[in-house]
Structure formats: C-alpha cells, structure tokens
Amino acid sequence: MTGREPAPRVVDLTVRDAELQELMDDPTCDPRTLDRTFRRFAVVNALVSGWRAAWRTHVVPALPPSGRARVLDLGCGGGDLARSLVRWAGSDGFSIEVVGVDPDDRAITAATRTATRGVSFRQASSGDLVAAGERFDVVVSNHVLHHLDDTARSAFLADSEQLATGRSLHSDIRRSRQAYRAYALASPLVSAGTFVRVDGLRSIRRSFTVPELQAVLPAGWRAERAAPHRVLAVRDA
C-alpha cells in the first residue's frame, strides 16, 4: 500500500462520503509510510489547519485569568498541534501544560520521538480519561471528527463535555469544491513518500459543511465557519 494518488476522476462533493477509508487508518498500512506521514503533518497543519488563528480567537479567551492552564489534545496524532500550542502560549505570555492522547500506539510512538517541555503524550482514548476522572481547562482536537461514525462521534463529544471545565474546541476541514481543488493542486509539493495527498483528499470528502456539522452536534454545541476551509465545533461549559 502506498500514498500514490489514483487517476483523476470526477468527485461529487455535494454530499459527505462517510464510507471512504483513509489509508493511514488501515492497521496493516506500511509503517514507514505512516511514520513519514506523521512527520509531514507538522508542515501540512502549519499551512492549512488555521490553528494559529484558532489559538488567538478561541483558546486564549477560554484560558483562566491566571494564564496558567491544562489543555487536552484528543487524537493528537504525531503531536504537532500540542507542541505548537505550548510554543504559542509561551510567546503570548501564557503558561500551559498540554497532554496529547491518541488510542493508536503508532501515533504515540511518532509523537514521543520529539520531546518538548510542557507537553506529554499518552496512549489513551477520551473514554479512558473520563473513567480516570481527568479534567482540563480546554479540550481540543484537530481532524478527528470526520474520522468518526455517528456513535463514536456522539461518545467523543460527550467525553469532551465531561473533560473540559472551560471550552471544547474541535477543528476539522470544511468540505467544498474550493478546498478539494486547492489541496489537489498544492499537496504534491509535500506528499512524496506519505499518505498526505490521498488521505487529505479523502478527508475533505468525508468532512462536514457547517450546516451538516451543526445538524449532528448535541445541544449546547455550535458549528462555526473558519478560514482556511475550516469548521469548528465549540462548546463552553
């Protein structure tokens, strides 16, 4: 299995394709390609995730007045968001501890390869943390919601409510023709030897529009449009 893109074809983006499987979600996928993919996420997310803006507009206002906080990154993958949050906090005068968790041991292996002060990683699910009685000021995730079926998404959001004493903020791709076209054109620049191109395009096809996400969010949650091509699920405790 490789990350090569199949021959171009017409893709219907008017409906969400929740049946697609991303290559990296296959437990039998090539481990070397997967490891390179986790490493490349740091570049891809820096370019397209919009988290620098989300930090300022949605995380900072939710931090305690002391500026000291405990933040949870659910489904942390290779850990690039957790490390970025600590770096941005330091540059903006805040002191935060970020705990990144992922149920996939392959992700935690990749995440723990780089040590960063203020960041720790564990192999765990959101349900594991709820069962352990953990609590965090802010709970975040990046590119998790589109991976989950209806049952798993409901459980994930319910766990997030239990874990966050302040705000839950889950960021994902906002599906559109423009997002698909832009990613198809730009991703070859960073995707060699990884699943980044194929899985990125499949992620867009699996992702939500703002109305679609709002329709499946529980009471108390809101879906927001953000740039570039982002949708946010937000809840304040």
Protein backbone atom coordinates (compact mmCIF):
# COMPACT_ATOMS: atom_id res chain seq x y z
CA MET A 1 0.00 0.00 0.00
CA THR A 2 1.36 3.43 -0.97
CA GLY A 3 0.29 7.05 -0.86
CA ARG A 4 0.10 7.40 -4.63
CA GLU A 5 -2.89 9.24 -5.99
CA PRO A 6 -5.18 7.25 -8.28
CA ALA A 7 -6.10 8.55 -11.71
CA PRO A 8 -8.12 11.79 -11.58
CA ARG A 9 -11.91 11.42 -11.76
CA VAL A 10 -15.00 13.47 -11.14
CA VAL A 11 -15.72 13.68 -7.41
CA ASP A 12 -19.14 14.57 -6.02
CA LEU A 13 -18.63 17.00 -3.15
CA THR A 14 -22.28 17.90 -2.71
CA VAL A 15 -22.69 15.03 -0.24
CA ARG A 16 -20.47 13.74 2.52
CA ASP A 17 -18.81 10.39 1.71
CA ALA A 18 -18.55 8.77 5.13
CA GLU A 19 -17.76 5.34 3.66
CA LEU A 20 -14.26 6.24 2.44
CA GLN A 21 -11.38 4.80 4.44
CA GLU A 22 -8.16 6.73 4.75
CA LEU A 23 -5.00 4.73 4.10
CA MET A 24 -3.43 5.58 7.45
CA ASP A 25 -6.48 4.23 9.28
CA ASP A 26 -5.70 0.75 7.99
CA PRO A 27 -3.86 -1.12 10.79
CA THR A 28 -1.93 -3.03 8.11
CA CYS A 29 -0.67 0.06 6.25
CA ASP A 30 3.05 0.37 5.61
CA PRO A 31 4.61 1.55 8.91
CA ARG A 32 7.41 3.52 7.24
CA THR A 33 4.97 5.44 5.06
CA LEU A 34 2.79 6.06 8.09
CA ASP A 35 5.72 7.35 10.10
CA ARG A 36 6.70 9.75 7.30
CA THR A 37 3.06 10.87 7.17
CA PHE A 38 3.02 11.72 10.88
CA ARG A 39 6.24 13.70 10.44
CA ARG A 40 4.85 15.61 7.45
CA PHE A 41 1.71 16.62 9.35
CA ALA A 42 3.73 19.34 11.08
CA VAL A 43 4.22 21.01 7.69
CA VAL A 44 0.72 20.38 6.37
CA ASN A 45 -1.06 21.56 9.51
CA ALA A 46 1.06 24.68 9.70
CA LEU A 47 -0.11 25.54 6.18
CA VAL A 48 -3.78 24.57 6.21
CA SER A 49 -5.12 23.91 9.72
CA GLY A 50 -5.75 27.52 10.78
CA TRP A 51 -4.80 26.72 14.37
CA ARG A 52 -2.67 29.83 14.90
CA ALA A 53 -5.80 31.93 14.44
CA ALA A 54 -7.94 29.50 16.45
CA TRP A 55 -5.47 29.78 19.33
CA ARG A 56 -5.98 33.54 19.48
CA THR A 57 -9.72 33.65 18.83
CA HIS A 58 -10.97 30.54 20.63
CA VAL A 59 -8.35 29.19 23.04
CA VAL A 60 -6.86 32.32 24.63
CA PRO A 61 -10.27 33.76 25.63
CA ALA A 62 -11.07 30.46 27.34
CA LEU A 63 -7.92 30.34 29.47
CA PRO A 64 -8.20 31.05 33.22
CA PRO A 65 -7.36 34.63 34.30
CA SER A 66 -4.08 33.38 35.76
CA GLY A 67 -2.89 32.46 32.27
CA ARG A 68 -1.97 29.01 33.55
CA ALA A 69 -3.94 26.13 32.11
CA ARG A 70 -4.09 22.44 31.40
CA VAL A 71 -5.04 21.66 27.81
CA LEU A 72 -6.00 18.29 26.33
CA ASP A 73 -5.36 17.42 22.67
CA LEU A 74 -7.58 14.46 21.77
CA GLY A 75 -6.44 12.31 18.86
CA CYS A 76 -3.08 14.05 18.90
CA GLY A 77 -1.54 12.08 16.04
CA GLY A 78 2.12 12.99 15.67
CA GLY A 79 1.83 15.71 18.33
CA ASP A 80 2.46 18.80 16.21
CA LEU A 81 -0.60 20.69 17.49
CA ALA A 82 0.26 20.01 21.14
CA ARG A 83 3.79 21.32 20.62
CA SER A 84 2.52 24.36 18.72
CA LEU A 85 0.05 25.27 21.47
CA VAL A 86 2.82 25.32 24.08
CA ARG A 87 5.03 27.40 21.79
CA TRP A 88 2.30 29.95 21.06
CA ALA A 89 1.37 30.15 24.72
CA GLY A 90 4.95 30.95 25.67
CA SER A 91 5.26 33.65 23.03
CA ASP A 92 1.96 35.21 24.17
CA GLY A 93 2.86 35.19 27.86
CA PHE A 94 0.82 32.17 28.99
CA SER A 95 1.95 29.05 30.79
CA ILE A 96 0.11 25.92 29.72
CA GLU A 97 0.58 22.21 30.05
CA VAL A 98 -0.66 20.17 27.07
CA VAL A 99 -1.50 16.49 27.30
CA GLY A 100 -1.81 14.75 23.95
CA VAL A 101 -3.64 11.43 23.81
CA ASP A 102 -4.33 9.01 20.98
CA PRO A 103 -5.63 5.43 21.12
CA ASP A 104 -3.28 4.47 18.25
CA ASP A 105 0.10 3.35 19.57
CA ARG A 106 1.65 4.21 16.20
CA ALA A 107 0.70 7.85 16.69
CA ILE A 108 2.10 7.95 20.23
CA THR A 109 5.36 6.41 19.02
CA ALA A 110 5.66 9.22 16.48
CA ALA A 111 4.61 11.92 18.95
CA THR A 112 7.06 10.92 21.67
CA ARG A 113 10.01 10.95 19.30
CA THR A 114 10.32 14.71 19.87
CA ALA A 115 10.49 15.89 23.49
CA THR A 116 9.02 19.33 24.24
CA ARG A 117 8.85 20.97 27.63
CA GLY A 118 5.26 21.34 28.79
CA VAL A 119 3.96 18.56 26.53
CA SER A 120 3.28 14.93 27.40
CA PHE A 121 1.71 12.12 25.39
CA ARG A 122 -0.24 9.02 26.37
CA GLN A 123 -1.88 6.15 24.53
CA ALA A 124 -5.47 6.59 25.66
CA SER A 125 -8.97 7.36 24.44
CA SER A 126 -11.27 10.12 25.62
CA GLY A 127 -13.30 7.48 27.43
CA ASP A 128 -10.21 6.31 29.32
CA LEU A 129 -9.67 9.85 30.61
CA VAL A 130 -13.29 10.25 31.67
CA ALA A 131 -13.11 6.95 33.54
CA ALA A 132 -9.96 8.18 35.30
CA GLY A 133 -11.69 11.40 36.40
CA GLU A 134 -9.36 13.69 34.43
CA ARG A 135 -10.27 17.36 33.93
CA PHE A 136 -8.78 20.05 31.71
CA ASP A 137 -9.36 23.78 31.24
CA VAL A 138 -9.61 23.43 27.46
CA VAL A 139 -10.10 20.35 25.27
CA VAL A 140 -9.15 20.49 21.60
CA SER A 141 -8.81 18.20 18.61
CA ASN A 142 -7.71 18.54 15.00
CA HIS A 143 -9.07 16.45 12.11
CA VAL A 144 -10.76 13.92 14.38
CA LEU A 145 -14.49 14.45 13.81
CA HIS A 146 -14.54 13.36 10.18
CA HIS A 147 -12.94 10.02 11.12
CA LEU A 148 -15.79 9.06 13.47
CA ASP A 149 -19.09 7.36 12.72
CA ASP A 150 -22.26 8.65 14.38
CA THR A 151 -21.92 6.52 17.51
CA ALA A 152 -18.23 7.24 18.01
CA ARG A 153 -18.72 10.97 17.38
CA SER A 154 -21.52 11.20 19.95
CA ALA A 155 -19.35 9.43 22.54
CA PHE A 156 -16.35 11.61 21.68
CA LEU A 157 -18.30 14.84 22.14
CA ALA A 158 -19.93 13.59 25.34
CA ASP A 159 -16.49 12.73 26.71
CA SER A 160 -15.23 16.16 25.71
CA GLU A 161 -18.04 17.76 27.72
CA GLN A 162 -17.02 15.74 30.76
CA LEU A 163 -13.33 16.51 30.40
CA ALA A 164 -13.49 20.27 29.81
CA THR A 165 -14.06 22.65 32.70
CA GLY A 166 -13.96 25.52 30.23
CA ARG A 167 -14.13 25.21 26.45
CA SER A 168 -14.16 22.31 23.99
CA LEU A 169 -12.87 23.19 20.52
CA HIS A 170 -12.76 20.60 17.75
CA SER A 171 -11.43 21.80 14.40
CA ASP A 172 -11.88 19.99 11.11
CA ILE A 173 -11.95 20.51 7.38
CA ARG A 174 -14.91 22.30 5.82
CA ARG A 175 -15.87 20.36 2.69
CA SER A 176 -16.10 22.37 -0.52
CA ARG A 177 -15.04 22.24 -4.15
CA GLN A 178 -12.60 25.05 -3.46
CA ALA A 179 -10.93 23.14 -0.61
CA TYR A 180 -10.66 19.99 -2.71
CA ARG A 181 -9.26 21.83 -5.74
CA ALA A 182 -6.72 23.78 -3.69
CA TYR A 183 -5.49 20.69 -1.85
CA ALA A 184 -5.29 18.64 -5.04
CA LEU A 185 -3.06 21.29 -6.61
CA ALA A 186 -0.84 22.03 -3.61
CA SER A 187 -0.44 18.68 -1.82
CA PRO A 188 2.04 17.12 -4.29
CA LEU A 189 4.59 19.65 -3.01
CA VAL A 190 4.66 17.98 0.43
CA SER A 191 3.24 14.49 -0.06
CA ALA A 192 6.09 12.45 -1.55
CA GLY A 193 6.51 9.12 0.23
CA THR A 194 3.48 9.68 2.51
CA PHE A 195 -0.28 9.23 2.66
CA VAL A 196 -0.71 13.01 2.81
CA ARG A 197 -2.20 13.53 -0.66
CA VAL A 198 -4.59 10.59 -0.89
CA ASP A 199 -5.74 10.80 2.71
CA GLY A 200 -6.08 14.58 2.59
CA LEU A 201 -8.40 14.39 -0.41
CA ARG A 202 -10.37 11.59 1.22
CA SER A 203 -10.57 13.63 4.42
CA ILE A 204 -12.16 16.51 2.53
CA ARG A 205 -14.74 14.15 1.03
CA ARG A 206 -15.51 12.73 4.49
CA SER A 207 -15.75 16.15 6.15
CA PHE A 208 -18.71 18.34 7.03
CA THR A 209 -20.13 21.60 5.82
CA VAL A 210 -21.14 23.99 8.60
CA PRO A 211 -24.89 23.14 8.38
CA GLU A 212 -24.11 19.41 8.29
CA LEU A 213 -21.97 19.60 11.40
CA GLN A 214 -24.48 21.76 13.26
CA ALA A 215 -27.16 19.18 12.48
CA VAL A 216 -25.26 16.37 14.20
CA LEU A 217 -23.92 18.31 17.19
CA PRO A 218 -25.59 17.79 20.58
CA ALA A 219 -27.45 20.57 22.35
CA GLY A 220 -25.10 23.22 23.71
CA TRP A 221 -22.62 22.91 20.83
CA ARG A 222 -22.28 25.29 17.91
CA ALA A 223 -20.66 24.91 14.49
CA GLU A 224 -18.63 27.86 13.20
CA ARG A 225 -17.04 28.62 9.86
CA ALA A 226 -13.32 29.48 9.98
CA ALA A 227 -10.53 30.07 7.49
CA PRO A 228 -8.97 28.45 5.58
CA HIS A 229 -11.72 25.94 4.72
CA ARG A 230 -12.29 25.07 8.38
CA VAL A 231 -15.29 24.19 10.53
CA LEU A 232 -15.20 24.37 14.31
CA ALA A 233 -17.35 22.56 16.88
CA VAL A 234 -17.40 24.70 20.03
CA ARG A 235 -18.92 24.22 23.47
CA ASP A 236 -18.49 26.31 26.61
CA ALA A 237 -19.01 24.54 29.90
